[in-house]
């Protein structure tokens, strides 16, 4: 058998495959670019109705009901998502006060591994809906438990639970995270989410202030 025929056959097969793969890669890249451009236009158009500022790179920031707000896209691994390469869209509102040290309400849907790994200072709220939705952690467990016993705090956190997203409290912020960008194209829907987040942020701050005054 002439090896030159074999090599020529291999080269032909290689170039035939590349002729199919390269256009597909180009098409995928082009589609990603078009999606990103569409997203940035949508977010830019969203800024004014929400009273926020559009930052280059695709971030909405400003204040809502007097509270600092930030809407952005994040990698799944940074949010504790089980799919590290997933894009997560986050709406985050700052709590207007200082919560107990390292107080966290992590979304159980994405971070249940934390419990199985034996992470310290993890506790339960004792309220079925909350314990099903969140994994709670606090630098001082007793301080976190007292905060979660406040009725308005429990109600505010329950209001954040919905099938479209996961909710969280972390680094003195309350937030909602989504796997789909579609919600950000609807200003009224985002406003409703911001209203719920603002209520939760205020409820947490006021409850913590009451506890500190009573101590």
Protein backbone atom coordinates (compact mmCIF):
# COMPACT_ATOMS: atom_id res chain seq x y z
CA UNK A 1 0.00 0.00 0.00
CA UNK A 2 1.34 3.39 -0.96
CA UNK A 3 1.67 5.48 2.28
CA UNK A 4 1.28 8.64 0.28
CA UNK A 5 -2.27 7.56 -0.52
CA UNK A 6 -2.95 6.96 3.20
CA UNK A 7 -1.60 10.36 4.21
CA UNK A 8 -3.46 12.12 1.48
CA UNK A 9 -6.64 10.39 2.62
CA UNK A 10 -6.07 11.49 6.22
CA UNK A 11 -5.43 15.06 5.16
CA UNK A 12 -8.56 15.08 3.05
CA UNK A 13 -10.61 13.79 6.01
CA UNK A 14 -9.02 16.35 8.34
CA UNK A 15 -9.74 19.28 6.06
CA UNK A 16 -13.26 18.00 5.43
CA UNK A 17 -13.93 17.97 9.19
CA UNK A 18 -12.40 21.43 9.63
CA UNK A 19 -14.56 22.73 6.80
CA UNK A 20 -17.58 21.82 8.90
CA UNK A 21 -16.25 22.64 12.41
CA UNK A 22 -14.77 26.09 11.72
CA UNK A 23 -18.00 27.61 10.30
CA UNK A 24 -19.93 26.14 13.26
CA UNK A 25 -17.49 27.70 15.72
CA UNK A 26 -17.72 31.02 13.90
CA UNK A 27 -21.53 30.84 13.90
CA UNK A 28 -21.61 30.06 17.65
CA UNK A 29 -19.22 32.90 18.39
CA UNK A 30 -21.27 35.27 16.26
CA UNK A 31 -24.48 34.22 18.01
CA UNK A 32 -22.85 34.81 21.41
CA UNK A 33 -21.76 38.28 20.31
CA UNK A 34 -25.23 39.12 19.02
CA UNK A 35 -26.80 37.90 22.27
CA UNK A 36 -24.40 40.00 24.32
CA UNK A 37 -25.09 43.08 22.21
CA UNK A 38 -28.84 42.54 22.59
CA UNK A 39 -28.46 42.11 26.35
CA UNK A 40 -26.47 45.30 26.73
CA UNK A 41 -29.02 47.28 24.71
CA UNK A 42 -31.85 45.87 26.83
CA UNK A 43 -30.05 46.68 30.08
CA UNK A 44 -29.23 50.18 28.86
CA UNK A 45 -32.89 50.78 28.05
CA UNK A 46 -33.86 49.47 31.49
CA UNK A 47 -31.75 51.99 33.39
CA UNK A 48 -33.95 55.10 33.14
CA UNK A 49 -37.33 53.48 34.00
CA UNK A 50 -35.75 51.99 37.13
CA UNK A 51 -33.91 55.16 38.08
CA UNK A 52 -30.57 53.37 37.73
CA UNK A 53 -27.37 54.03 35.78
CA UNK A 54 -26.09 51.76 33.04
CA UNK A 55 -22.38 51.09 33.36
CA UNK A 56 -20.32 50.05 30.37
CA UNK A 57 -19.81 46.31 30.41
CA UNK A 58 -23.40 45.53 31.32
CA UNK A 59 -24.10 46.60 34.90
CA UNK A 60 -27.05 48.52 36.34
CA UNK A 61 -26.36 50.41 39.55
CA UNK A 62 -27.79 53.21 41.66
CA UNK A 63 -30.43 53.45 44.36
CA UNK A 64 -33.93 52.06 44.75
CA UNK A 65 -36.07 53.40 47.60
CA UNK A 66 -32.90 54.91 49.03
CA UNK A 67 -30.96 51.63 49.06
CA UNK A 68 -27.86 50.91 46.92
CA UNK A 69 -28.68 48.50 44.08
CA UNK A 70 -26.57 46.52 41.65
CA UNK A 71 -27.71 44.25 38.80
CA UNK A 72 -25.03 42.25 37.04
CA UNK A 73 -24.02 38.97 35.45
CA UNK A 74 -21.85 36.54 37.39
CA UNK A 75 -20.20 33.19 36.77
CA UNK A 76 -21.94 30.23 38.37
CA UNK A 77 -18.88 29.12 40.33
CA UNK A 78 -18.79 32.43 42.20
CA UNK A 79 -22.42 32.06 43.24
CA UNK A 80 -22.09 28.45 44.38
CA UNK A 81 -23.99 27.20 41.32
CA UNK A 82 -23.66 23.47 40.64
CA UNK A 83 -22.81 24.31 37.01
CA UNK A 84 -19.63 26.35 37.22
CA UNK A 85 -19.84 27.51 33.60
CA UNK A 86 -23.41 28.79 33.93
CA UNK A 87 -24.18 32.50 33.64
CA UNK A 88 -26.10 33.81 36.62
CA UNK A 89 -27.94 37.13 36.63
CA UNK A 90 -27.98 38.83 40.02
CA UNK A 91 -30.16 41.58 41.51
CA UNK A 92 -28.65 42.78 44.79
CA UNK A 93 -29.78 45.37 47.36
CA UNK A 94 -27.69 46.59 50.28
CA UNK A 95 -29.03 46.18 53.82
CA UNK A 96 -29.19 49.64 55.50
CA UNK A 97 -27.52 48.49 58.70
CA UNK A 98 -25.01 46.03 60.05
CA UNK A 99 -26.13 42.40 60.30
CA UNK A 100 -24.52 39.89 62.71
CA UNK A 101 -20.95 39.02 61.78
CA UNK A 102 -20.76 36.75 58.72
CA UNK A 103 -24.53 36.26 58.60
CA UNK A 104 -25.39 34.27 55.46
CA UNK A 105 -28.57 32.78 54.02
CA UNK A 106 -27.22 30.67 51.15
CA UNK A 107 -29.58 29.21 48.53
CA UNK A 108 -29.96 25.52 49.41
CA UNK A 109 -30.68 24.73 45.74
CA UNK A 110 -27.11 25.66 44.79
CA UNK A 111 -25.13 25.24 48.01
CA UNK A 112 -26.45 22.14 49.79
CA UNK A 113 -22.91 20.74 49.56
CA UNK A 114 -21.91 23.19 52.31
CA UNK A 115 -23.93 21.24 54.88
CA UNK A 116 -22.56 17.88 53.78
CA UNK A 117 -19.01 19.22 54.06
CA UNK A 118 -19.55 20.11 57.70
CA UNK A 119 -19.10 23.88 57.33
CA UNK A 120 -19.02 25.43 60.83
CA UNK A 121 -21.64 27.74 62.35
CA UNK A 122 -24.49 26.35 60.25
CA UNK A 123 -27.93 26.40 61.87
CA UNK A 124 -31.64 26.15 61.05
CA UNK A 125 -34.40 28.72 61.32
CA UNK A 126 -36.93 26.19 62.58
CA UNK A 127 -39.39 27.36 59.92
CA UNK A 128 -40.00 24.74 57.17
CA UNK A 129 -40.19 27.11 54.18
CA UNK A 130 -36.99 28.91 55.19
CA UNK A 131 -35.04 25.76 56.04
CA UNK A 132 -36.04 24.26 52.70
CA UNK A 133 -34.88 27.34 50.80
CA UNK A 134 -31.75 28.40 52.71
CA UNK A 135 -28.69 27.20 54.56
CA UNK A 136 -28.02 29.66 57.38
CA UNK A 137 -24.59 30.49 58.73
CA UNK A 138 -23.34 33.14 61.16
CA UNK A 139 -20.10 33.98 62.92
CA UNK A 140 -22.08 33.86 66.16
CA UNK A 141 -24.81 31.25 65.81
CA UNK A 142 -26.91 32.64 68.67
CA UNK A 143 -26.99 36.10 67.06
CA UNK A 144 -28.11 34.61 63.75
CA UNK A 145 -30.77 32.47 65.43
CA UNK A 146 -32.20 35.47 67.29
CA UNK A 147 -32.42 37.47 64.07
CA UNK A 148 -34.28 34.65 62.33
CA UNK A 149 -36.81 34.38 65.14
CA UNK A 150 -38.10 37.88 64.34
CA UNK A 151 -41.50 37.44 62.57
CA UNK A 152 -40.92 40.25 60.07
CA UNK A 153 -37.54 38.75 59.09
CA UNK A 154 -39.10 35.34 58.51
CA UNK A 155 -41.87 36.88 56.40
CA UNK A 156 -39.41 38.96 54.36
CA UNK A 157 -37.26 35.91 53.59
CA UNK A 158 -40.34 33.83 52.70
CA UNK A 159 -41.41 36.55 50.25
CA UNK A 160 -38.08 36.13 48.45
CA UNK A 161 -38.67 32.44 47.76
CA UNK A 162 -39.96 31.80 44.23
CA UNK A 163 -39.45 29.10 41.57
CA UNK A 164 -37.83 31.47 39.06
CA UNK A 165 -34.77 32.27 41.13
CA UNK A 166 -32.72 31.60 44.22
CA UNK A 167 -32.47 34.20 46.98
CA UNK A 168 -29.63 34.91 49.38
CA UNK A 169 -28.28 37.16 52.10
CA UNK A 170 -24.52 37.69 52.03
CA UNK A 171 -22.01 40.44 52.79
CA UNK A 172 -24.78 42.69 54.11
CA UNK A 173 -26.74 42.38 50.87
CA UNK A 174 -30.02 40.70 49.97
CA UNK A 175 -30.26 39.32 46.47
CA UNK A 176 -31.97 37.21 43.85
CA UNK A 177 -30.06 35.18 41.25
CA UNK A 178 -31.40 33.82 37.97
CA UNK A 179 -30.14 31.39 35.36
CA UNK A 180 -31.91 33.21 32.53
CA UNK A 181 -31.46 36.82 31.38
CA UNK A 182 -35.02 37.19 30.14
CA UNK A 183 -36.34 38.82 33.30
CA UNK A 184 -34.01 41.80 32.84
CA UNK A 185 -35.82 42.81 29.69
CA UNK A 186 -38.99 43.58 31.67
CA UNK A 187 -38.63 46.76 33.75
CA UNK A 188 -41.88 46.17 35.64
CA UNK A 189 -40.78 42.68 36.65
CA UNK A 190 -37.38 43.89 37.82
CA UNK A 191 -39.08 46.68 39.78
CA UNK A 192 -41.26 44.13 41.58
CA UNK A 193 -38.17 42.12 42.48
CA UNK A 194 -36.44 45.25 43.75
CA UNK A 195 -39.47 46.08 45.90
CA UNK A 196 -39.37 42.64 47.54
CA UNK A 197 -35.61 42.89 48.07
CA UNK A 198 -35.92 46.39 49.56
CA UNK A 199 -38.56 45.15 52.02
CA UNK A 200 -36.32 42.26 53.05
CA UNK A 201 -33.28 44.52 53.45
CA UNK A 202 -35.23 46.96 55.63
CA UNK A 203 -36.79 44.17 57.69
CA UNK A 204 -33.39 42.66 58.44
CA UNK A 205 -31.90 46.03 59.39
CA UNK A 206 -34.80 47.06 61.64
CA UNK A 207 -34.95 43.68 63.37
CA UNK A 208 -31.23 43.73 64.07
CA UNK A 209 -31.50 47.27 65.43
CA UNK A 210 -34.30 46.19 67.78
CA UNK A 211 -32.24 43.26 69.04
CA UNK A 212 -29.22 45.47 69.69
CA UNK A 213 -31.32 48.02 71.61
CA UNK A 214 -32.87 45.26 73.70
CA UNK A 215 -29.52 43.66 74.54
